[in-house]
Amino acid sequence: MQQRTEELSYAIQNESLQQRTLILECLEVLRSAMEELQVAQEELRQQNDFLLQAQEVVQAERQRYQTLFEFTPAAYLVTDLYGTVREANQIAALLLQIPQHFLVGKPLTVFVPSLQHRSFRTLLNQLPSLLQPQAFELELETWKKNSFHADIQVDVVRNSCQQVVALRWLIIDATDRKQSEKRLQEVQMQNLELREVDRLKDEFMRTVSHELRTPMTAILGFSELLRQRFVQSPDPQTTMMIECITRNSRHLLQLVEEILDFSKLQEQQLQLCLEEFDLTELLQATTSELQSLAAQKNLAFNLILPSENVMVVNDRLRLRQVVINLISNAIKFTHEGGITIELLELPEGRIAVSVRDTGIGIAPEHQAQIFQEFWQVDQSTSRCYQGTGLGLSISKQLITLMQGSLSVESESGQGTLFRVEMPCCMAIEQSQTSKSFC
């Protein structure tokens, strides 16, 4: 076109001036139009390139969406507003037990039990008006008529005019969750039943213990009277039998008292009666009572006390109970050597009472269990050492109520050290808070 224009420019040189001027003007308009055309062509080419790039991006996003839709580990469906399947991924086909290409075009109602068709249609009519995704649970049937519970989430698909044109469905098989919930409910019911059985057991133990304590106290009292009457009896067999009755009566009464204390502690009904007393005097009296038991086994018995009296505010009887339990255990499990009881004054108004023996010791793996109720290292019915397994559990709970701690250090065959640490004066406010002040 440009060459033809140049040829015309050359050809008009022989024309008249007026004609030549007119032709030149026309040629100038033509050149200007040609330049604008070239600019428009370049803009069109650029727009065409941009459109091609946009189409490639759209195609890539469409392919990416299709890949995600197809290979996501959850079942996805896209339906029209009437519930007819338009798209379905492989997981949805597997879940509904139907070939993927056969699933497309099927109405969702064929996968809903017939008894729920009406309610499902009502739900379908409501879904297009959703402002946010709707989640619900629904029972579904596979193509092979196998029922299962499903967790479903539905969201609407809108076009560029914000009109709802389709529904997007996420379907998750809830069979495992429902089975877990059922098992959890069963376990909870069993727990309730076990708690009721445990409550009845505790109530029975408490009732029986109360009923036993009175006659056992009477038996022990009468056996003491008999022992005093026959203390000078020439018949050693009679004296031995009376002492056997007394010893076993004391043992049974101690078991009854332990069961009652354990029941009170479990129900948080045990109260500490605080008073001020001399702890050194209590330890002296307690060790004096138990020294004869150590002497029967030829054990050394040592009591180490501070040079001055140690006054404390605590429950005298309950603290004595803990000390007796620790010393009795030390005597029971020690066959040679001795036992040392020591009272120490610690900083910040605290004290420590330790009971060390040279007995059989406790293996490290058992030390965390010895404070559990009814637990003993030897659990067999033919065990060498008698006891209910409640003493240390009760002692630890009592020391806890006293705002203290009970710890153990031991190795098998190397003896044992039990250590009680507590404040000299219990805080009344804390005792009241824990329902342990009277």
Protein backbone atom coordinates (compact mmCIF):
# COMPACT_ATOMS: atom_id res chain seq x y z
CA MET A 1 0.00 0.00 0.00
CA GLN A 2 2.82 2.38 0.82
CA GLN A 3 4.62 1.52 -2.44
CA ARG A 4 1.44 2.19 -4.41
CA THR A 5 1.14 5.59 -2.72
CA GLU A 6 4.69 6.49 -3.72
CA GLU A 7 3.96 5.46 -7.31
CA LEU A 8 0.91 7.74 -7.34
CA SER A 9 2.99 10.61 -5.93
CA TYR A 10 5.44 10.21 -8.77
CA ALA A 11 2.70 9.90 -11.40
CA ILE A 12 0.95 13.14 -10.50
CA GLN A 13 4.00 15.30 -11.21
CA ASN A 14 2.67 15.84 -14.77
CA GLU A 15 -0.77 16.88 -13.57
CA SER A 16 -1.96 20.47 -13.10
CA LEU A 17 -1.18 22.24 -9.84
CA GLN A 18 -4.78 22.15 -8.62
CA GLN A 19 -5.18 18.48 -9.37
CA ARG A 20 -1.80 17.70 -7.88
CA THR A 21 -2.68 19.53 -4.65
CA LEU A 22 -5.95 17.67 -4.31
CA ILE A 23 -4.32 14.33 -4.92
CA LEU A 24 -1.55 15.05 -2.41
CA GLU A 25 -4.09 15.93 0.23
CA CYS A 26 -5.90 12.67 -0.41
CA LEU A 27 -2.65 10.78 -0.24
CA GLU A 28 -1.80 12.44 3.10
CA VAL A 29 -5.18 11.41 4.51
CA LEU A 30 -4.53 7.91 3.24
CA ARG A 31 -1.06 7.80 4.86
CA SER A 32 -2.56 8.95 8.19
CA ALA A 33 -5.27 6.30 7.97
CA MET A 34 -2.66 3.68 7.20
CA GLU A 35 -0.61 4.65 10.25
CA GLU A 36 -3.72 4.47 12.48
CA LEU A 37 -4.51 1.10 11.00
CA GLN A 38 -1.04 -0.14 11.82
CA VAL A 39 -1.37 1.11 15.41
CA ALA A 40 -4.78 -0.59 15.70
CA GLN A 41 -3.33 -3.78 14.29
CA GLU A 42 -0.50 -3.72 16.86
CA GLU A 43 -2.96 -3.10 19.71
CA LEU A 44 -5.16 -5.90 18.41
CA ARG A 45 -2.16 -8.23 18.26
CA GLN A 46 -1.20 -7.36 21.83
CA GLN A 47 -4.77 -7.87 23.01
CA ASN A 48 -4.86 -11.16 21.17
CA ASP A 49 -1.61 -12.26 22.88
CA PHE A 50 -3.01 -11.20 26.25
CA LEU A 51 -6.22 -13.10 25.55
CA LEU A 52 -4.26 -16.20 24.59
CA GLN A 53 -2.25 -15.95 27.83
CA ALA A 54 -5.45 -15.48 29.85
CA GLN A 55 -6.97 -18.51 28.14
CA GLU A 56 -3.87 -20.54 29.01
CA VAL A 57 -4.13 -19.43 32.67
CA VAL A 58 -7.83 -20.26 32.75
CA GLN A 59 -7.14 -23.63 31.17
CA ALA A 60 -4.35 -24.33 33.67
CA GLU A 61 -6.60 -23.33 36.60
CA ARG A 62 -9.40 -25.44 35.18
CA GLN A 63 -7.02 -28.38 34.88
CA ARG A 64 -5.71 -27.73 38.40
CA TYR A 65 -9.25 -27.60 39.77
CA GLN A 66 -10.12 -30.81 37.93
CA THR A 67 -7.00 -32.53 39.31
CA LEU A 68 -7.73 -31.39 42.86
CA PHE A 69 -11.37 -32.34 42.46
CA GLU A 70 -10.47 -35.77 41.12
CA PHE A 71 -7.67 -36.71 43.49
CA THR A 72 -8.79 -35.12 46.76
CA PRO A 73 -9.12 -37.77 49.51
CA ALA A 74 -12.74 -36.77 50.18
CA ALA A 75 -15.88 -37.46 48.19
CA TYR A 76 -16.94 -34.40 46.15
CA LEU A 77 -20.04 -33.94 44.01
CA VAL A 78 -21.46 -31.05 42.04
CA THR A 79 -25.20 -31.18 41.38
CA ASP A 80 -27.78 -28.90 39.85
CA LEU A 81 -30.42 -27.31 42.04
CA TYR A 82 -32.57 -30.42 41.77
CA GLY A 83 -29.85 -32.72 43.11
CA THR A 84 -28.81 -34.33 39.82
CA VAL A 85 -25.08 -35.15 39.75
CA ARG A 86 -23.13 -33.10 37.18
CA GLU A 87 -19.62 -33.85 38.43
CA ALA A 88 -18.23 -36.54 40.71
CA ASN A 89 -14.71 -37.51 41.71
CA GLN A 90 -13.35 -41.03 42.02
CA ILE A 91 -13.65 -41.09 45.85
CA ALA A 92 -17.36 -40.26 45.62
CA ALA A 93 -17.84 -43.14 43.16
CA LEU A 94 -15.98 -45.54 45.45
CA LEU A 95 -17.94 -44.36 48.49
CA LEU A 96 -21.27 -44.84 46.72
CA GLN A 97 -20.11 -48.11 45.12
CA ILE A 98 -20.91 -47.07 41.56
CA PRO A 99 -18.72 -46.49 38.45
CA GLN A 100 -17.71 -42.85 38.16
CA HIS A 101 -19.09 -42.30 34.64
CA PHE A 102 -22.36 -43.98 35.68
CA LEU A 103 -22.71 -41.71 38.72
CA VAL A 104 -22.92 -38.54 36.61
CA GLY A 105 -26.56 -37.86 35.73
CA LYS A 106 -27.96 -39.77 38.70
CA PRO A 107 -30.23 -37.89 41.14
CA LEU A 108 -28.89 -37.93 44.72
CA THR A 109 -32.24 -39.21 45.95
CA VAL A 110 -31.37 -42.70 44.66
CA PHE A 111 -28.70 -42.80 47.38
CA VAL A 112 -31.11 -41.76 50.14
CA PRO A 113 -33.26 -44.37 51.94
CA SER A 114 -36.85 -44.26 50.69
CA LEU A 115 -38.20 -43.30 54.11
CA GLN A 116 -36.13 -40.10 53.99
CA HIS A 117 -36.96 -39.01 50.43
CA ARG A 118 -39.49 -36.39 51.50
CA SER A 119 -37.25 -34.76 54.08
CA PHE A 120 -34.34 -34.83 51.62
CA ARG A 121 -36.37 -33.06 48.94
CA THR A 122 -37.38 -30.44 51.49
CA LEU A 123 -33.69 -29.95 52.28
CA LEU A 124 -32.86 -29.60 48.57
CA ASN A 125 -35.46 -26.84 48.21
CA GLN A 126 -33.88 -24.91 51.08
CA LEU A 127 -30.25 -25.21 50.02
CA PRO A 128 -30.22 -22.56 47.21
CA SER A 129 -31.08 -19.86 49.75
CA LEU A 130 -28.02 -20.61 51.89
CA LEU A 131 -25.82 -17.67 52.80
CA GLN A 132 -23.06 -19.91 54.13
CA PRO A 133 -22.10 -23.61 53.89
CA GLN A 134 -24.54 -25.98 55.60
CA ALA A 135 -23.32 -29.06 57.51
CA PHE A 136 -25.54 -31.95 58.57
CA GLU A 137 -25.58 -35.70 59.09
CA LEU A 138 -27.50 -38.01 56.76
CA GLU A 139 -27.97 -41.71 56.28
CA LEU A 140 -27.10 -42.78 52.73
CA GLU A 141 -27.33 -45.98 50.71
CA THR A 142 -24.73 -47.10 48.19
CA TRP A 143 -25.67 -48.31 44.74
CA LYS A 144 -25.39 -51.82 46.23
CA LYS A 145 -27.87 -50.87 49.00
CA ASN A 146 -25.32 -50.79 51.83
CA SER A 147 -26.30 -48.14 54.38
CA PHE A 148 -23.85 -45.82 56.12
CA HIS A 149 -23.90 -42.57 58.06
CA ALA A 150 -22.37 -39.58 56.31
CA ASP A 151 -21.21 -36.13 57.42
CA ILE A 152 -22.21 -33.75 54.63
CA GLN A 153 -21.33 -30.15 53.88
CA VAL A 154 -23.10 -28.27 51.09
CA ASP A 155 -22.23 -24.92 49.54
CA VAL A 156 -23.82 -23.04 46.64
CA VAL A 157 -22.12 -22.21 43.33
CA ARG A 158 -22.90 -18.75 41.90
CA ASN A 159 -22.35 -17.35 38.41
CA SER A 160 -20.99 -13.91 37.56
CA CYS A 161 -24.43 -12.43 38.22
CA GLN A 162 -24.44 -13.95 41.72
CA GLN A 163 -27.22 -16.33 40.78
CA VAL A 164 -27.15 -19.80 42.36
CA VAL A 165 -26.57 -22.26 39.54
CA ALA A 166 -25.31 -25.41 41.28
CA LEU A 167 -24.61 -27.11 44.62
CA ARG A 168 -21.23 -28.39 45.78
CA TRP A 169 -21.28 -31.42 48.13
CA LEU A 170 -18.58 -32.77 50.44
CA ILE A 171 -19.44 -36.26 51.74
CA ILE A 172 -17.45 -38.01 54.51
CA ASP A 173 -18.12 -41.56 55.66
CA ALA A 174 -18.99 -41.21 59.37
CA THR A 175 -19.15 -44.96 60.09
CA ASP A 176 -15.91 -44.99 62.12
CA ARG A 177 -16.93 -41.88 64.04
CA LYS A 178 -20.36 -43.32 64.85
CA GLN A 179 -18.78 -46.58 66.00
CA SER A 180 -16.31 -44.63 68.16
CA GLU A 181 -19.16 -42.62 69.67
CA LYS A 182 -21.05 -45.83 70.37
CA ARG A 183 -18.01 -47.37 72.03
CA LEU A 184 -17.47 -44.18 74.02
CA GLN A 185 -21.08 -44.27 75.23
CA GLU A 186 -20.65 -47.91 76.20
CA VAL A 187 -17.46 -47.10 78.10
CA GLN A 188 -19.17 -44.18 79.83
CA MET A 189 -22.05 -46.43 80.84
CA GLN A 190 -19.58 -49.01 82.13
CA ASN A 191 -17.78 -46.28 84.06
CA LEU A 192 -21.04 -45.19 85.63
CA GLU A 193 -21.81 -48.78 86.55
CA LEU A 194 -18.31 -49.26 87.96
CA ARG A 195 -18.62 -46.06 89.97
CA GLU A 196 -21.91 -47.28 91.37
CA VAL A 197 -20.36 -50.65 92.20
CA ASP A 198 -17.40 -48.84 93.78
CA ARG A 199 -19.77 -46.65 95.80
CA LEU A 200 -21.71 -49.69 96.98
CA LYS A 201 -18.45 -51.45 97.83
CA ASP A 202 -17.24 -48.46 99.86
CA GLU A 203 -20.60 -48.20 101.58
CA PHE A 204 -20.55 -51.93 102.36
CA MET A 205 -16.98 -51.74 103.68
CA ARG A 206 -17.84 -48.73 105.80
CA THR A 207 -20.99 -50.36 107.20
CA VAL A 208 -19.26 -53.66 107.92
CA SER A 209 -16.30 -51.88 109.48
CA HIS A 210 -18.58 -49.89 111.77
CA GLU A 211 -20.42 -53.06 112.72
CA LEU A 212 -17.15 -54.88 113.39
CA ARG A 213 -15.46 -52.14 115.37
CA THR A 214 -17.81 -52.34 118.37
CA PRO A 215 -17.58 -56.13 118.92
CA MET A 216 -13.84 -56.10 118.18
CA THR A 217 -13.32 -53.41 120.79
CA ALA A 218 -15.28 -55.52 123.27
CA ILE A 219 -13.29 -58.67 122.40
CA LEU A 220 -10.03 -56.78 122.80
CA GLY A 221 -11.14 -55.35 126.14
CA PHE A 222 -12.20 -58.72 127.53
CA SER A 223 -9.02 -60.39 126.25
CA GLU A 224 -6.98 -57.75 128.10
CA LEU A 225 -8.92 -58.52 131.27
CA LEU A 226 -8.31 -62.23 130.80
CA ARG A 227 -4.61 -61.63 130.18
CA GLN A 228 -4.32 -59.60 133.37
CA ARG A 229 -6.23 -62.26 135.35
CA PHE A 230 -4.09 -65.12 134.08
CA VAL A 231 -0.80 -63.22 134.06
CA GLN A 232 0.39 -65.41 136.92
CA SER A 233 -1.34 -68.53 135.61
CA PRO A 234 0.66 -71.71 136.03
CA ASP A 235 -0.75 -72.90 132.71
CA PRO A 236 1.46 -71.37 129.99
CA GLN A 237 -0.83 -72.69 127.24
CA THR A 238 -3.76 -70.68 128.60
CA THR A 239 -1.61 -67.55 128.77
CA MET A 240 -0.38 -68.13 125.19
CA MET A 241 -3.95 -68.53 123.88
CA ILE A 242 -5.08 -65.34 125.64
CA GLU A 243 -2.11 -63.44 124.19
CA CYS A 244 -2.96 -64.83 120.74
CA ILE A 245 -6.56 -63.62 121.10
CA THR A 246 -5.34 -60.18 122.19
CA ARG A 247 -2.76 -59.89 119.40
CA ASN A 248 -5.16 -60.92 116.67
CA SER A 249 -7.93 -58.72 118.09
CA ARG A 250 -5.60 -55.73 117.89
CA HIS A 251 -4.68 -56.67 114.35
CA LEU A 252 -8.33 -56.95 113.26
CA LEU A 253 -9.25 -53.70 114.99
CA GLN A 254 -6.37 -51.96 113.19
CA LEU A 255 -7.64 -53.29 109.85
CA VAL A 256 -11.13 -52.01 110.64
CA GLU A 257 -9.75 -48.58 111.56
CA GLU A 258 -7.70 -48.46 108.35
CA ILE A 259 -10.74 -49.27 106.22
CA LEU A 260 -12.78 -46.58 107.95
CA ASP A 261 -10.00 -44.01 107.54
CA PHE A 262 -9.58 -44.94 103.89
CA SER A 263 -13.32 -44.52 103.25
CA LYS A 264 -13.32 -41.09 104.92
CA LEU A 265 -10.31 -39.98 102.91
CA GLN A 266 -11.88 -41.16 99.66
CA GLU A 267 -15.03 -39.16 100.41
CA GLN A 268 -13.04 -36.17 101.75
CA GLN A 269 -14.83 -36.46 105.06
CA LEU A 270 -11.82 -36.93 107.31
CA GLN A 271 -11.16 -33.91 109.51
CA LEU A 272 -7.96 -32.91 111.26
CA CYS A 273 -8.35 -31.64 114.82
CA LEU A 274 -5.55 -29.13 115.30
CA GLU A 275 -3.87 -28.57 118.64
CA GLU A 276 -0.49 -27.43 119.90
CA PHE A 277 1.70 -30.20 121.31
CA ASP A 278 5.32 -31.24 121.80
CA LEU A 279 6.41 -33.40 118.85
CA THR A 280 9.50 -34.67 120.68
CA GLU A 281 7.27 -36.01 123.44
CA LEU A 282 4.99 -37.70 120.90
CA LEU A 283 7.96 -39.42 119.21
CA GLN A 284 9.38 -40.55 122.53
CA ALA A 285 6.03 -42.07 123.61
CA THR A 286 5.45 -43.73 120.23
CA THR A 287 8.90 -45.30 119.98
CA SER A 288 8.60 -46.49 123.57
CA GLU A 289 5.39 -48.35 122.68
CA LEU A 290 6.98 -50.03 119.66
CA GLN A 291 10.39 -50.77 121.12
CA SER A 292 9.28 -54.16 122.38
CA LEU A 293 8.40 -55.24 118.81
CA ALA A 294 11.92 -54.33 117.69
CA ALA A 295 13.41 -56.13 120.69
CA GLN A 296 11.58 -59.33 119.70
CA LYS A 297 13.59 -59.32 116.45
CA ASN A 298 16.84 -58.17 118.16
CA LEU A 299 16.82 -54.90 116.20
CA ALA A 300 18.64 -51.78 117.32
CA PHE A 301 16.18 -48.94 117.96
CA ASN A 302 17.48 -45.36 117.89
CA LEU A 303 15.65 -42.05 118.36
CA ILE A 304 17.50 -38.83 117.48
CA LEU A 305 15.88 -35.61 118.72
CA PRO A 306 16.89 -31.91 118.80
CA SER A 307 18.29 -30.57 122.04
CA GLU A 308 15.13 -28.53 122.65
CA ASN A 309 11.45 -29.41 122.47
CA VAL A 310 9.72 -28.88 119.10
CA MET A 311 6.23 -27.44 119.42
CA VAL A 312 3.85 -27.97 116.51
CA VAL A 313 0.23 -27.23 115.63
CA ASN A 314 -1.25 -30.33 114.02
CA ASP A 315 -3.56 -33.28 114.62
CA ARG A 316 -1.79 -35.21 117.37
CA LEU A 317 -3.63 -38.52 116.88
CA ARG A 318 -3.33 -38.54 113.08
CA LEU A 319 0.36 -37.63 113.13
CA ARG A 320 0.93 -40.39 115.72
CA GLN A 321 -0.93 -42.78 113.38
CA VAL A 322 1.48 -41.93 110.52
CA VAL A 323 4.57 -42.35 112.71
CA ILE A 324 3.32 -45.71 114.05
CA ASN A 325 2.67 -46.92 110.51
CA LEU A 326 6.15 -45.96 109.28
CA ILE A 327 7.94 -47.48 112.29
CA SER A 328 5.79 -50.65 112.23
CA ASN A 329 6.59 -51.14 108.53
CA ALA A 330 10.29 -50.65 109.26
CA ILE A 331 10.17 -53.34 111.98
CA LYS A 332 8.10 -55.68 109.80
CA PHE A 333 10.49 -55.58 106.84
CA THR A 334 13.78 -55.54 108.78
CA HIS A 335 15.32 -58.82 109.95
CA GLU A 336 18.72 -57.63 111.14
CA GLY A 337 20.39 -54.34 111.85
CA GLY A 338 18.18 -51.62 113.21
CA ILE A 339 15.82 -48.67 112.83
CA THR A 340 16.59 -44.99 113.32
CA ILE A 341 13.95 -42.32 113.86
CA GLU A 342 15.14 -38.73 113.57
CA LEU A 343 13.44 -35.34 114.03
CA LEU A 344 15.00 -32.36 112.23
CA GLU A 345 14.14 -28.67 112.34
CA LEU A 346 14.26 -27.12 108.85
CA PRO A 347 14.35 -23.48 107.70
CA GLU A 348 11.19 -21.43 107.16
CA GLY A 349 9.33 -23.02 110.07
CA ARG A 350 9.30 -26.58 108.75
CA ILE A 351 10.22 -29.93 110.29
CA ALA A 352 11.20 -33.36 109.02
CA VAL A 353 10.65 -36.79 110.58
CA SER A 354 12.61 -39.64 109.01
CA VAL A 355 12.42 -43.38 109.61
CA ARG A 356 15.43 -45.33 108.30
CA ASP A 357 15.80 -49.11 108.42
CA THR A 358 18.28 -51.74 107.26
CA GLY A 359 15.59 -54.02 105.89
CA ILE A 360 14.83 -55.66 102.55
CA GLY A 361 14.42 -52.34 100.71
CA ILE A 362 12.15 -51.42 97.81
CA ALA A 363 13.06 -51.74 94.14
CA PRO A 364 13.02 -48.40 92.23
CA GLU A 365 10.27 -49.60 89.87
CA HIS A 366 7.97 -50.24 92.87
CA GLN A 367 8.55 -46.98 94.74
CA ALA A 368 5.89 -45.03 92.83
CA GLN A 369 3.31 -47.74 93.57
CA ILE A 370 3.76 -48.30 97.30
CA PHE A 371 1.50 -45.32 98.08
CA GLN A 372 -1.37 -46.77 96.05
CA GLU A 373 -4.20 -48.28 98.06
CA PHE A 374 -4.21 -52.08 98.46
CA TRP A 375 -0.84 -52.36 96.68
CA GLN A 376 1.96 -54.58 98.01
CA VAL A 377 5.24 -55.66 96.45
CA ASP A 378 4.22 -59.29 96.96
CA GLN A 379 0.66 -59.61 95.64
CA SER A 380 0.42 -63.38 96.06
CA THR A 381 -1.95 -65.02 98.54
CA SER A 382 1.02 -66.78 100.14
CA ARG A 383 2.99 -63.58 100.79
CA CYS A 384 5.28 -63.46 103.81
CA TYR A 385 4.14 -60.09 105.14
CA GLN A 386 0.61 -59.43 106.34
CA GLY A 387 -1.31 -56.22 105.77
CA THR A 388 -4.03 -54.61 103.68
CA GLY A 389 -1.79 -52.34 101.65
CA LEU A 390 -3.66 -49.31 103.01
CA GLY A 391 -1.19 -48.03 105.61
CA LEU A 392 1.14 -46.06 103.35
CA SER A 393 -1.72 -44.79 101.18
CA ILE A 394 -3.54 -43.47 104.25
CA SER A 395 -0.30 -42.01 105.65
CA LYS A 396 0.48 -40.12 102.44
CA GLN A 397 -3.06 -38.72 102.22
CA LEU A 398 -2.94 -37.66 105.87
CA ILE A 399 0.41 -35.91 105.40
CA THR A 400 -1.00 -34.17 102.33
CA LEU A 401 -3.91 -32.91 104.43
CA MET A 402 -1.29 -31.67 106.91
CA GLN A 403 0.22 -29.58 104.08
CA GLY A 404 3.29 -31.80 104.01
CA SER A 405 4.93 -34.46 101.87
CA LEU A 406 5.90 -38.11 102.34
CA SER A 407 8.80 -39.43 100.24
CA VAL A 408 10.82 -42.64 100.02
CA GLU A 409 14.43 -43.50 99.18
CA SER A 410 15.40 -47.13 98.82
CA GLU A 411 17.14 -49.90 96.90
CA SER A 412 16.54 -53.61 97.02
CA GLY A 413 18.47 -55.13 99.92
CA GLN A 414 19.83 -51.74 101.05
CA GLY A 415 17.17 -50.61 103.50
CA THR A 416 14.59 -47.82 103.21
CA LEU A 417 14.26 -44.20 104.27
CA PHE A 418 10.79 -42.63 104.64
CA ARG A 419 10.82 -38.86 105.17
CA VAL A 420 7.94 -36.64 106.26
CA GLU A 421 8.23 -32.88 105.76
CA MET A 422 5.60 -30.41 106.97
CA PRO A 423 5.15 -26.97 108.49
CA CYS A 424 5.40 -26.63 112.26
CA CYS A 425 2.07 -24.80 112.27
CA MET A 426 -0.65 -25.67 109.77
CA ALA A 427 -2.44 -22.79 108.08
CA ILE A 428 -6.03 -22.89 109.32
CA GLU A 429 -7.35 -21.27 106.13
CA GLN A 430 -5.93 -24.04 103.95
CA SER A 431 -7.26 -26.69 106.30
CA GLN A 432 -10.71 -25.21 106.10
CA THR A 433 -10.50 -25.02 102.33
CA SER A 434 -9.62 -28.71 102.14
CA LYS A 435 -12.35 -29.58 104.67
CA SER A 436 -9.79 -30.89 107.13
CA PHE A 437 -10.12 -28.51 110.08
CA CYS A 438 -12.26 -29.13 113.12
